[in-house]
Amino acid sequence: MAKRQNPILKLLFGLWTTSLGCTFAMAQQPPAEKAQAKLSPAAAAVKKANDTKKDEVLATVNGDKITRGELILFFSKFQLPENFDPQALYKSAIETIANTKMVMQQVKVAKVSVSPAEIDSEIENLKTALKEQKADLAQVLAESGRTLDGVRADMEQFLLWKKYITSIATDAALNKYIADNKEIFNGDQVRASHILVKVAADAKPEAKEAAKKKLLDIKQQIGTGKMTFAEAANKFSEDEGNTEKVGGDLGFFYRKGQFIEPFAAAAFGLKKGQISEVVESPFGLHLIQLTERKDGQPQDPNNPNLRAAALDAFAQERQEQLVLEAKKNAKIEIKPLPNDLFPPAPPPAAAK
């Protein structure tokens, strides 16, 4: 089992929240390298705007504000991908921060609280952990562009979440979670093929219905023997991964961590040779056929490493559930992307 990252050091860069809806690809930003970068005039103008407009409210979540400064702090934790779409990046980042706020709002409703003394204790733990790595908090804060107040705020969120999860992840609850998810913890794998018809997540109902009808027609042709699933995938699938005509084969994959939840759940719910009903994902609509199943190794539910992994998975799943529950009645208002939030893209020649 992989070594788990120190949660205190992880917290310093706020990474515990990135699973809450951040859909764009980012890599962790090396702080020292970022500090050495020389800004172009356009980038300098953007930096000045972001520095002087830190309190500008860009969104609200049930009355809680998301400011420009908060968004810039979020971006500072990562290296932005090249040639990114500003609108998509802005939307996804706001969504991630909003999801975090909704989780914290619900945790506080559960009457979980953290005292300043508890935060002080964790800050001391953080200093000790950094000292063991021959670093100190002031140095790390300077290199990362963070402030002690910001770290204390993150620490409060971390402790609130930790207390909340501890209160609900009892031994009985964790035992049930492990028993209900044996295929995850045992390392079961399946091999599947799929046929994709692309439809945007926000497409109109008639567009989704047309795509669904197309897939059901394909499924009927397969069922009557007019073609095999692989032949249908090669002919109809819109998945770029099938350009070499591999019959829609996706190879073996685990229950979690490789494919998005609706797709993985549907695949693991099939018997060998069975074709799914139409499955919707952010990529479009799918037909899935299970071709092979490979059982993993049964695990001891009392193994400390297994229970630690189960607690992590339980906590992440609970985060997702809280977000879904909160969104049903949440009042979220997002302002348009400020035109001075990101530097303008360089001309093609300069980019090359």
Protein backbone atom coordinates (compact mmCIF):
# COMPACT_ATOMS: atom_id res chain seq x y z
CA MET A 1 0.00 0.00 0.00
CA ALA A 2 1.37 3.43 -0.96
CA LYS A 3 2.82 5.65 1.77
CA ARG A 4 0.31 8.31 2.82
CA GLN A 5 1.28 11.97 2.58
CA ASN A 6 1.71 13.86 5.85
CA PRO A 7 -1.67 15.60 6.22
CA ILE A 8 -0.13 18.61 7.99
CA LEU A 9 2.26 19.37 5.14
CA LYS A 10 -0.52 18.61 2.67
CA LEU A 11 -2.73 21.12 4.44
CA LEU A 12 -0.17 23.92 4.09
CA PHE A 13 -0.88 23.99 0.37
CA GLY A 14 -4.60 23.44 0.77
CA LEU A 15 -4.64 20.25 -1.28
CA TRP A 16 -7.31 18.49 0.77
CA THR A 17 -10.01 20.45 -1.06
CA THR A 18 -8.97 19.70 -4.63
CA SER A 19 -11.11 16.59 -4.82
CA LEU A 20 -14.24 18.68 -4.37
CA GLY A 21 -14.79 19.52 -8.01
CA CYS A 22 -11.63 20.89 -9.58
CA THR A 23 -11.75 19.47 -13.10
CA PHE A 24 -8.81 21.15 -14.80
CA ALA A 25 -5.34 19.60 -14.90
CA MET A 26 -2.78 21.30 -12.69
CA ALA A 27 0.59 20.41 -11.23
CA GLN A 28 1.89 21.57 -7.86
CA GLN A 29 3.76 24.83 -8.26
CA PRO A 30 7.38 24.88 -7.03
CA PRO A 31 7.28 28.09 -4.92
CA ALA A 32 10.95 28.99 -5.28
CA GLU A 33 10.82 28.79 -9.07
CA LYS A 34 7.66 30.87 -9.18
CA ALA A 35 9.31 33.63 -7.17
CA GLN A 36 12.17 33.87 -9.67
CA ALA A 37 9.95 34.38 -12.71
CA LYS A 38 10.33 37.78 -14.44
CA LEU A 39 6.96 39.31 -15.28
CA SER A 40 6.09 40.79 -18.64
CA PRO A 41 4.44 44.25 -18.63
CA ALA A 42 1.03 42.64 -19.21
CA ALA A 43 1.56 40.12 -16.43
CA ALA A 44 2.82 42.88 -14.12
CA ALA A 45 -0.36 44.86 -14.78
CA VAL A 46 -2.46 41.82 -13.93
CA LYS A 47 -0.46 41.23 -10.74
CA LYS A 48 -1.01 44.83 -9.70
CA ALA A 49 -4.76 44.51 -10.34
CA ASN A 50 -4.93 41.29 -8.33
CA ASP A 51 -2.92 42.83 -5.48
CA THR A 52 -5.06 45.96 -5.27
CA LYS A 53 -8.44 44.22 -5.74
CA LYS A 54 -8.01 41.38 -3.24
CA ASP A 55 -11.31 42.18 -1.54
CA GLU A 56 -13.34 42.19 -4.77
CA VAL A 57 -16.21 39.71 -4.38
CA LEU A 58 -16.37 37.32 -7.34
CA ALA A 59 -19.00 34.93 -6.01
CA THR A 60 -21.18 34.18 -3.00
CA VAL A 61 -22.21 30.80 -1.61
CA ASN A 62 -25.21 31.02 0.69
CA GLY A 63 -23.96 34.48 1.65
CA ASP A 64 -20.31 33.48 2.12
CA LYS A 65 -18.03 35.55 -0.11
CA ILE A 66 -15.41 34.28 -2.54
CA THR A 67 -12.97 37.12 -3.13
CA ARG A 68 -10.40 37.71 -5.81
CA GLY A 69 -7.68 37.29 -3.18
CA GLU A 70 -9.07 33.88 -2.26
CA LEU A 71 -9.09 32.83 -5.90
CA ILE A 72 -5.53 34.05 -6.47
CA LEU A 73 -4.42 32.15 -3.37
CA PHE A 74 -6.05 29.03 -4.80
CA PHE A 75 -4.21 29.46 -8.11
CA SER A 76 -0.92 30.12 -6.30
CA LYS A 77 -0.86 26.51 -5.12
CA PHE A 78 -0.55 25.18 -8.66
CA GLN A 79 1.19 25.60 -11.98
CA LEU A 80 -1.43 26.69 -14.49
CA PRO A 81 -1.57 24.47 -17.59
CA GLU A 82 -0.32 25.94 -20.87
CA ASN A 83 -2.88 27.40 -23.27
CA PHE A 84 -5.65 27.12 -20.69
CA ASP A 85 -9.19 28.35 -21.29
CA PRO A 86 -9.61 31.31 -18.87
CA GLN A 87 -13.38 30.93 -18.69
CA ALA A 88 -13.21 27.20 -17.95
CA LEU A 89 -10.40 27.66 -15.43
CA TYR A 90 -12.26 30.46 -13.65
CA LYS A 91 -15.49 28.48 -13.51
CA SER A 92 -13.81 25.32 -12.24
CA ALA A 93 -11.78 27.12 -9.58
CA ILE A 94 -14.82 29.01 -8.29
CA GLU A 95 -16.74 25.73 -8.21
CA THR A 96 -13.99 24.05 -6.18
CA ILE A 97 -13.89 26.88 -3.62
CA ALA A 98 -17.69 26.99 -3.50
CA ASN A 99 -17.84 23.25 -2.85
CA THR A 100 -15.38 23.62 0.00
CA LYS A 101 -17.46 26.40 1.54
CA MET A 102 -20.65 24.34 1.28
CA VAL A 103 -18.94 21.42 3.02
CA MET A 104 -17.74 23.68 5.82
CA GLN A 105 -21.18 25.24 6.17
CA GLN A 106 -22.72 21.82 6.69
CA VAL A 107 -19.99 20.72 9.08
CA LYS A 108 -20.71 23.77 11.24
CA VAL A 109 -24.44 22.99 11.15
CA ALA A 110 -23.48 19.66 12.72
CA LYS A 111 -22.21 21.75 15.66
CA VAL A 112 -18.55 20.89 15.20
CA SER A 113 -16.18 23.57 16.47
CA VAL A 114 -12.45 24.19 16.88
CA SER A 115 -10.79 26.34 19.53
CA PRO A 116 -7.84 28.72 18.94
CA ALA A 117 -5.77 26.52 21.28
CA GLU A 118 -6.33 23.51 19.02
CA ILE A 119 -5.17 25.51 16.02
CA ASP A 120 -2.09 26.70 17.98
CA SER A 121 -1.24 23.07 18.76
CA GLU A 122 -1.45 22.07 15.08
CA ILE A 123 0.70 25.03 14.07
CA GLU A 124 3.35 23.80 16.50
CA ASN A 125 3.07 20.31 14.99
CA LEU A 126 3.54 21.87 11.58
CA LYS A 127 6.66 23.72 12.73
CA THR A 128 8.09 20.48 14.13
CA ALA A 129 7.38 18.59 10.90
CA LEU A 130 9.06 21.32 8.85
CA LYS A 131 12.03 21.41 11.22
CA GLU A 132 12.57 17.69 10.60
CA GLN A 133 12.89 18.58 6.90
CA LYS A 134 15.38 21.36 7.72
CA ALA A 135 12.87 24.10 6.94
CA ASP A 136 10.93 26.60 8.99
CA LEU A 137 7.42 27.95 8.71
CA ALA A 138 8.43 31.53 7.96
CA GLN A 139 10.60 30.35 5.04
CA VAL A 140 7.88 28.14 3.58
CA LEU A 141 5.28 30.89 3.91
CA ALA A 142 7.54 33.38 2.14
CA GLU A 143 8.29 30.97 -0.71
CA SER A 144 4.67 29.94 -1.18
CA GLY A 145 3.20 33.42 -0.88
CA ARG A 146 1.06 32.33 2.09
CA THR A 147 0.40 34.16 5.33
CA LEU A 148 0.18 32.74 8.83
CA ASP A 149 -3.44 33.89 9.06
CA GLY A 150 -4.19 32.01 5.86
CA VAL A 151 -2.57 28.86 7.20
CA ARG A 152 -4.52 29.18 10.44
CA ALA A 153 -7.75 29.47 8.43
CA ASP A 154 -6.84 26.35 6.46
CA MET A 155 -5.90 24.60 9.69
CA GLU A 156 -9.29 25.44 11.18
CA GLN A 157 -11.02 23.91 8.14
CA PHE A 158 -8.82 20.84 8.37
CA LEU A 159 -9.56 20.34 12.08
CA LEU A 160 -13.29 20.92 11.60
CA TRP A 161 -13.36 18.30 8.88
CA LYS A 162 -11.24 15.87 10.90
CA LYS A 163 -13.55 16.21 13.93
CA TYR A 164 -16.64 15.79 11.77
CA ILE A 165 -15.34 12.64 10.08
CA THR A 166 -14.16 11.19 13.40
CA SER A 167 -17.65 11.70 14.80
CA ILE A 168 -19.35 9.72 12.02
CA ALA A 169 -16.65 7.21 11.04
CA THR A 170 -17.18 4.96 14.05
CA ASP A 171 -15.76 1.43 14.11
CA ALA A 172 -19.18 0.08 13.16
CA ALA A 173 -19.56 2.57 10.27
CA LEU A 174 -16.06 1.81 8.98
CA ASN A 175 -16.62 -1.95 9.22
CA LYS A 176 -19.79 -1.60 7.17
CA TYR A 177 -18.03 0.63 4.63
CA ILE A 178 -15.25 -1.93 4.15
CA ALA A 179 -17.77 -4.78 3.84
CA ASP A 180 -19.86 -2.83 1.29
CA ASN A 181 -16.78 -1.98 -0.80
CA LYS A 182 -14.82 -5.25 -0.82
CA GLU A 183 -14.16 -4.97 -4.56
CA ILE A 184 -12.33 -1.68 -3.93
CA PHE A 185 -10.21 -2.80 -0.99
CA ASN A 186 -9.55 -6.29 -2.39
CA GLY A 187 -8.28 -4.76 -5.63
CA ASP A 188 -10.84 -6.38 -7.96
CA GLN A 189 -10.49 -5.46 -11.63
CA VAL A 190 -12.71 -5.67 -14.67
CA ARG A 191 -12.04 -5.33 -18.35
CA ALA A 192 -14.64 -3.54 -20.42
CA SER A 193 -15.33 -2.02 -23.80
CA HIS A 194 -17.57 0.93 -24.52
CA ILE A 195 -19.30 2.88 -27.24
CA LEU A 196 -19.40 6.64 -26.72
CA VAL A 197 -21.75 9.17 -28.27
CA LYS A 198 -20.53 12.61 -27.27
CA VAL A 199 -23.04 14.97 -25.70
CA ALA A 200 -22.19 18.07 -23.67
CA ALA A 201 -23.12 17.85 -19.99
CA ASP A 202 -25.29 20.97 -20.39
CA ALA A 203 -26.84 19.87 -23.70
CA LYS A 204 -30.58 20.30 -24.21
CA PRO A 205 -32.80 17.32 -23.28
CA GLU A 206 -33.66 16.65 -26.93
CA ALA A 207 -29.95 16.31 -27.82
CA LYS A 208 -29.42 13.79 -25.02
CA GLU A 209 -32.55 11.93 -26.02
CA ALA A 210 -31.34 11.67 -29.63
CA ALA A 211 -27.98 10.30 -28.48
CA LYS A 212 -29.73 7.81 -26.19
CA LYS A 213 -31.96 6.63 -29.05
CA LYS A 214 -28.90 6.11 -31.24
CA LEU A 215 -27.23 3.95 -28.59
CA LEU A 216 -30.36 1.91 -27.95
CA ASP A 217 -30.63 1.26 -31.68
CA ILE A 218 -26.99 0.12 -31.72
CA LYS A 219 -27.66 -2.15 -28.71
CA GLN A 220 -30.61 -3.69 -30.53
CA GLN A 221 -28.46 -4.42 -33.59
CA ILE A 222 -25.87 -6.11 -31.37
CA GLY A 223 -28.61 -8.09 -29.62
CA THR A 224 -30.03 -9.41 -32.89
CA GLY A 225 -26.60 -10.48 -34.10
CA LYS A 226 -26.25 -7.95 -36.91
CA MET A 227 -22.85 -6.98 -35.50
CA THR A 228 -20.66 -7.64 -32.49
CA PHE A 229 -20.06 -5.07 -29.78
CA ALA A 230 -16.50 -4.57 -31.03
CA GLU A 231 -17.69 -4.01 -34.60
CA ALA A 232 -20.29 -1.52 -33.37
CA ALA A 233 -17.66 0.32 -31.32
CA ASN A 234 -15.34 0.58 -34.32
CA LYS A 235 -18.17 1.90 -36.46
CA PHE A 236 -20.05 4.20 -34.12
CA SER A 237 -17.96 5.13 -31.07
CA GLU A 238 -16.80 8.75 -30.86
CA ASP A 239 -14.05 7.99 -28.33
CA GLU A 240 -10.67 9.27 -29.56
CA GLY A 241 -9.07 6.32 -27.75
CA ASN A 242 -10.67 4.00 -30.29
CA THR A 243 -9.04 5.55 -33.33
CA GLU A 244 -6.98 2.38 -33.84
CA LYS A 245 -10.21 0.36 -34.00
CA VAL A 246 -9.69 -1.71 -30.86
CA GLY A 247 -13.38 -2.42 -30.47
CA GLY A 248 -13.79 0.10 -27.69
CA ASP A 249 -11.54 -1.95 -25.38
CA LEU A 250 -10.45 -0.08 -22.24
CA GLY A 251 -8.31 -2.82 -20.71
CA PHE A 252 -8.44 -3.75 -17.03
CA PHE A 253 -9.28 -1.10 -14.44
CA TYR A 254 -10.05 -0.84 -10.73
CA ARG A 255 -13.32 0.18 -9.14
CA LYS A 256 -11.98 3.58 -8.05
CA GLY A 257 -9.36 6.00 -9.27
CA GLN A 258 -9.24 5.30 -13.00
CA PHE A 259 -12.70 6.05 -14.40
CA ILE A 260 -15.37 8.45 -13.23
CA GLU A 261 -17.95 7.08 -10.83
CA PRO A 262 -21.05 6.58 -13.05
CA PHE A 263 -18.99 4.68 -15.62
CA ALA A 264 -17.01 2.55 -13.14
CA ALA A 265 -20.12 1.73 -11.09
CA ALA A 266 -21.99 0.58 -14.19
CA ALA A 267 -19.09 -1.54 -15.44
CA PHE A 268 -18.59 -3.32 -12.12
CA GLY A 269 -22.32 -3.99 -11.90
CA LEU A 270 -22.29 -6.10 -15.07
CA LYS A 271 -21.84 -9.83 -15.58
CA LYS A 272 -19.31 -11.11 -18.12
CA GLY A 273 -20.60 -10.47 -21.65
CA GLN A 274 -23.49 -8.30 -20.45
CA ILE A 275 -24.15 -4.90 -22.05
CA SER A 276 -25.25 -2.01 -19.85
CA GLU A 277 -28.17 0.32 -20.22
CA VAL A 278 -27.23 3.79 -21.48
CA VAL A 279 -24.85 5.41 -18.98
CA GLU A 280 -24.39 9.19 -18.79
CA SER A 281 -21.08 10.81 -17.88
CA PRO A 282 -19.58 14.29 -18.38
CA PHE A 283 -18.14 12.98 -21.68
CA GLY A 284 -21.47 11.90 -23.14
CA LEU A 285 -23.53 8.71 -23.25
CA HIS A 286 -22.09 5.20 -23.19
CA LEU A 287 -22.88 1.56 -23.76
CA ILE A 288 -20.55 -0.67 -21.75
CA GLN A 289 -19.83 -4.37 -22.20
CA LEU A 290 -17.98 -6.32 -19.51
CA THR A 291 -15.49 -8.71 -21.10
CA GLU A 292 -13.43 -10.03 -18.17
CA ARG A 293 -13.35 -9.93 -14.40
CA LYS A 294 -10.31 -10.45 -12.17
CA ASP A 295 -10.82 -10.89 -8.43
CA GLY A 296 -8.32 -9.31 -6.09
CA GLN A 297 -6.91 -10.55 -2.79
CA PRO A 298 -9.25 -10.62 0.24
CA GLN A 299 -8.04 -8.21 2.92
CA ASP A 300 -8.16 -8.34 6.71
CA PRO A 301 -10.65 -5.61 7.75
CA ASN A 302 -8.66 -5.10 10.96
CA ASN A 303 -5.42 -4.30 9.12
CA PRO A 304 -4.42 -0.74 10.24
CA ASN A 305 -3.27 0.23 6.73
CA LEU A 306 -6.54 -0.97 5.24
CA ARG A 307 -8.57 0.91 7.82
CA ALA A 308 -6.57 4.09 7.17
CA ALA A 309 -7.24 3.76 3.43
CA ALA A 310 -10.90 3.05 4.12
CA LEU A 311 -11.15 6.15 6.30
CA ASP A 312 -9.67 8.28 3.50
CA ALA A 313 -12.14 6.83 0.98
CA PHE A 314 -15.04 7.20 3.42
CA ALA A 315 -14.13 10.86 4.02
CA GLN A 316 -13.86 11.66 0.32
CA GLU A 317 -17.18 9.99 -0.40
CA ARG A 318 -18.79 11.93 2.42
CA GLN A 319 -17.39 15.18 0.99
CA GLU A 320 -19.02 14.39 -2.33
CA GLN A 321 -22.32 13.53 -0.65
CA LEU A 322 -22.33 16.78 1.32
CA VAL A 323 -21.71 18.80 -1.84
CA LEU A 324 -24.55 17.07 -3.69
CA GLU A 325 -26.91 17.59 -0.75
CA ALA A 326 -25.92 21.24 -0.36
CA LYS A 327 -26.34 22.04 -4.06
CA LYS A 328 -30.03 21.13 -3.96
CA ASN A 329 -30.85 24.29 -2.00
CA ALA A 330 -27.68 26.35 -2.30
CA LYS A 331 -27.78 29.94 -3.46
CA ILE A 332 -24.66 30.46 -5.55
CA GLU A 333 -24.01 33.68 -7.45
CA ILE A 334 -20.95 33.97 -9.69
CA LYS A 335 -19.85 37.19 -11.36
CA PRO A 336 -18.39 37.17 -14.90
CA LEU A 337 -14.67 36.55 -15.28
CA PRO A 338 -12.78 39.83 -14.59
CA ASN A 339 -10.82 40.83 -17.69
CA ASP A 340 -7.73 41.59 -15.59
CA LEU A 341 -7.58 38.30 -13.66
CA PHE A 342 -5.22 36.49 -16.05
CA PRO A 343 -2.42 37.87 -18.26
CA PRO A 344 -3.34 37.96 -21.97
CA ALA A 345 -2.14 34.96 -23.97
CA PRO A 346 1.19 35.63 -25.77
CA PRO A 347 1.09 35.91 -29.57
CA PRO A 348 1.70 32.59 -31.42
CA ALA A 349 5.30 33.47 -32.38
CA ALA A 350 6.25 34.31 -28.80
CA ALA A 351 4.48 31.25 -27.47
CA LYS A 352 6.45 29.07 -29.88
